[in-house]
Amino acid sequence: MNVLSALLTALVFAPAYAPDWVTQTPGLWLIFGIIFVPVYIFIGSWFLGKPGNFKTAMLGFVVFIGLIVLLWTGMFLQTMLIRFVFF
């Protein structure tokens, strides 16, 4: 088996043997790969920017993660409320 046929075989049968994160929908790659780029940049700039203050950067990061957790918890509770009321 030469290299070209091995590559073609891997491309054709890759979805059958690939882990789930490789075969996710394009929307997942769009959200985490393109839309979140500004988020990655501002979090990185908090820690890598000059003048740097690690304590302030961690405070901002913890507040940001806390807001995300609160939003996801609220969405989960609302989803469960809708489930129990309507289904």
C-alpha atoms as a PDB file:
ATOM      1  CA  MET A   1       0.000   0.000   0.000  1.00  0.00           C
ATOM      2  CA  ASN A   2       1.534   3.283  -1.026  1.00  0.00           C
ATOM      3  CA  VAL A   3       1.195   6.600   0.737  1.00  0.00           C
ATOM      4  CA  LEU A   4      -1.444   8.031  -1.616  1.00  0.00           C
ATOM      5  CA  SER A   5      -3.795   5.087  -1.226  1.00  0.00           C
ATOM      6  CA  ALA A   6      -3.308   5.155   2.545  1.00  0.00           C
ATOM      7  CA  LEU A   7      -4.229   8.854   2.650  1.00  0.00           C
ATOM      8  CA  LEU A   8      -7.288   8.307   0.470  1.00  0.00           C
ATOM      9  CA  THR A   9      -8.392   5.416   2.651  1.00  0.00           C
ATOM     10  CA  ALA A  10      -7.932   7.533   5.763  1.00  0.00           C
ATOM     11  CA  LEU A  11      -9.989  10.363   4.264  1.00  0.00           C
ATOM     12  CA  VAL A  12     -12.813   8.080   3.168  1.00  0.00           C
ATOM     13  CA  PHE A  13     -13.074   6.060   6.378  1.00  0.00           C
ATOM     14  CA  ALA A  14     -11.987   8.729   8.888  1.00  0.00           C
ATOM     15  CA  PRO A  15     -15.502   9.613  10.132  1.00  0.00           C
ATOM     16  CA  ALA A  16     -16.175   5.965  11.011  1.00  0.00           C
ATOM     17  CA  TYR A  17     -13.084   5.677  13.215  1.00  0.00           C
ATOM     18  CA  ALA A  18     -12.603   9.278  14.358  1.00  0.00           C
ATOM     19  CA  PRO A  19     -13.336  10.442  17.888  1.00  0.00           C
ATOM     20  CA  ASP A  20     -16.457  12.531  18.422  1.00  0.00           C
ATOM     21  CA  TRP A  21     -14.659  15.874  18.598  1.00  0.00           C
ATOM     22  CA  VAL A  22     -13.395  15.410  15.016  1.00  0.00           C
ATOM     23  CA  THR A  23     -16.821  14.686  13.545  1.00  0.00           C
ATOM     24  CA  GLN A  24     -18.792  17.464  15.228  1.00  0.00           C
ATOM     25  CA  THR A  25     -20.958  19.849  13.244  1.00  0.00           C
ATOM     26  CA  PRO A  26     -19.388  22.898  11.583  1.00  0.00           C
ATOM     27  CA  GLY A  27     -21.251  25.142  14.039  1.00  0.00           C
ATOM     28  CA  LEU A  28     -19.091  23.892  16.892  1.00  0.00           C
ATOM     29  CA  TRP A  29     -15.909  24.781  15.019  1.00  0.00           C
ATOM     30  CA  LEU A  30     -17.427  28.130  14.043  1.00  0.00           C
ATOM     31  CA  ILE A  31     -18.308  29.073  17.617  1.00  0.00           C
ATOM     32  CA  PHE A  32     -15.141  27.908  19.360  1.00  0.00           C
ATOM     33  CA  GLY A  33     -12.726  28.601  16.509  1.00  0.00           C
ATOM     34  CA  ILE A  34     -13.908  31.926  15.077  1.00  0.00           C
ATOM     35  CA  ILE A  35     -16.506  33.650  17.244  1.00  0.00           C
ATOM     36  CA  PHE A  36     -14.572  33.147  20.499  1.00  0.00           C
ATOM     37  CA  VAL A  37     -11.310  34.556  19.071  1.00  0.00           C
ATOM     38  CA  PRO A  38     -11.895  37.996  20.691  1.00  0.00           C
ATOM     39  CA  VAL A  39     -12.529  36.241  24.016  1.00  0.00           C
ATOM     40  CA  TYR A  40      -9.284  34.296  23.670  1.00  0.00           C
ATOM     41  CA  ILE A  41      -7.448  37.523  22.837  1.00  0.00           C
ATOM     42  CA  PHE A  42      -8.727  39.532  25.788  1.00  0.00           C
ATOM     43  CA  ILE A  43      -8.117  36.715  28.270  1.00  0.00           C
ATOM     44  CA  GLY A  44      -4.611  36.246  26.881  1.00  0.00           C
ATOM     45  CA  SER A  45      -3.959  39.982  27.015  1.00  0.00           C
ATOM     46  CA  TRP A  46      -4.957  40.076  30.680  1.00  0.00           C
ATOM     47  CA  PHE A  47      -2.144  37.661  31.511  1.00  0.00           C
ATOM     48  CA  LEU A  48       0.425  38.441  28.811  1.00  0.00           C
ATOM     49  CA  GLY A  49       0.006  42.215  28.457  1.00  0.00           C
ATOM     50  CA  LYS A  50       2.344  44.804  29.881  1.00  0.00           C
ATOM     51  CA  PRO A  51       2.102  46.200  32.502  1.00  0.00           C
ATOM     52  CA  GLY A  52       0.853  42.947  33.957  1.00  0.00           C
ATOM     53  CA  ASN A  53      -0.884  42.487  37.272  1.00  0.00           C
ATOM     54  CA  PHE A  54      -1.614  38.826  37.936  1.00  0.00           C
ATOM     55  CA  LYS A  55      -4.012  39.500  40.812  1.00  0.00           C
ATOM     56  CA  THR A  56      -6.205  41.808  38.720  1.00  0.00           C
ATOM     57  CA  ALA A  57      -6.067  39.417  35.759  1.00  0.00           C
ATOM     58  CA  MET A  58      -7.198  36.505  37.931  1.00  0.00           C
ATOM     59  CA  LEU A  59      -9.996  38.626  39.384  1.00  0.00           C
ATOM     60  CA  GLY A  60     -11.256  39.434  35.888  1.00  0.00           C
ATOM     61  CA  PHE A  61     -10.938  35.826  34.800  1.00  0.00           C
ATOM     62  CA  VAL A  62     -12.825  34.509  37.841  1.00  0.00           C
ATOM     63  CA  VAL A  63     -15.598  37.074  37.380  1.00  0.00           C
ATOM     64  CA  PHE A  64     -15.846  36.135  33.690  1.00  0.00           C
ATOM     65  CA  ILE A  65     -16.058  32.404  34.482  1.00  0.00           C
ATOM     66  CA  GLY A  66     -18.591  33.153  37.233  1.00  0.00           C
ATOM     67  CA  LEU A  67     -20.825  35.016  34.786  1.00  0.00           C
ATOM     68  CA  ILE A  68     -20.633  32.124  32.337  1.00  0.00           C
ATOM     69  CA  VAL A  69     -21.559  29.630  35.068  1.00  0.00           C
ATOM     70  CA  LEU A  70     -24.497  31.792  36.161  1.00  0.00           C
ATOM     71  CA  LEU A  71     -25.773  32.103  32.590  1.00  0.00           C
ATOM     72  CA  TRP A  72     -25.514  28.354  31.918  1.00  0.00           C
ATOM     73  CA  THR A  73     -27.147  27.517  35.258  1.00  0.00           C
ATOM     74  CA  GLY A  74     -30.033  29.863  34.503  1.00  0.00           C
ATOM     75  CA  MET A  75     -30.506  28.352  31.054  1.00  0.00           C
ATOM     76  CA  PHE A  76     -30.448  24.842  32.507  1.00  0.00           C
ATOM     77  CA  LEU A  77     -33.027  25.691  35.182  1.00  0.00           C
ATOM     78  CA  GLN A  78     -35.271  27.368  32.617  1.00  0.00           C
ATOM     79  CA  THR A  79     -34.996  24.323  30.358  1.00  0.00           C
ATOM     80  CA  MET A  80     -35.956  22.012  33.230  1.00  0.00           C
ATOM     81  CA  LEU A  81     -38.892  24.266  34.127  1.00  0.00           C
ATOM     82  CA  ILE A  82     -40.144  24.160  30.529  1.00  0.00           C
ATOM     83  CA  ARG A  83     -39.668  20.385  30.471  1.00  0.00           C
ATOM     84  CA  PHE A  84     -41.645  19.791  33.652  1.00  0.00           C
ATOM     85  CA  VAL A  85     -44.428  22.257  32.805  1.00  0.00           C
ATOM     86  CA  PHE A  86     -45.025  21.321  29.165  1.00  0.00           C
ATOM     87  CA  PHE A  87     -43.917  17.696  28.858  1.00  0.00           C
END
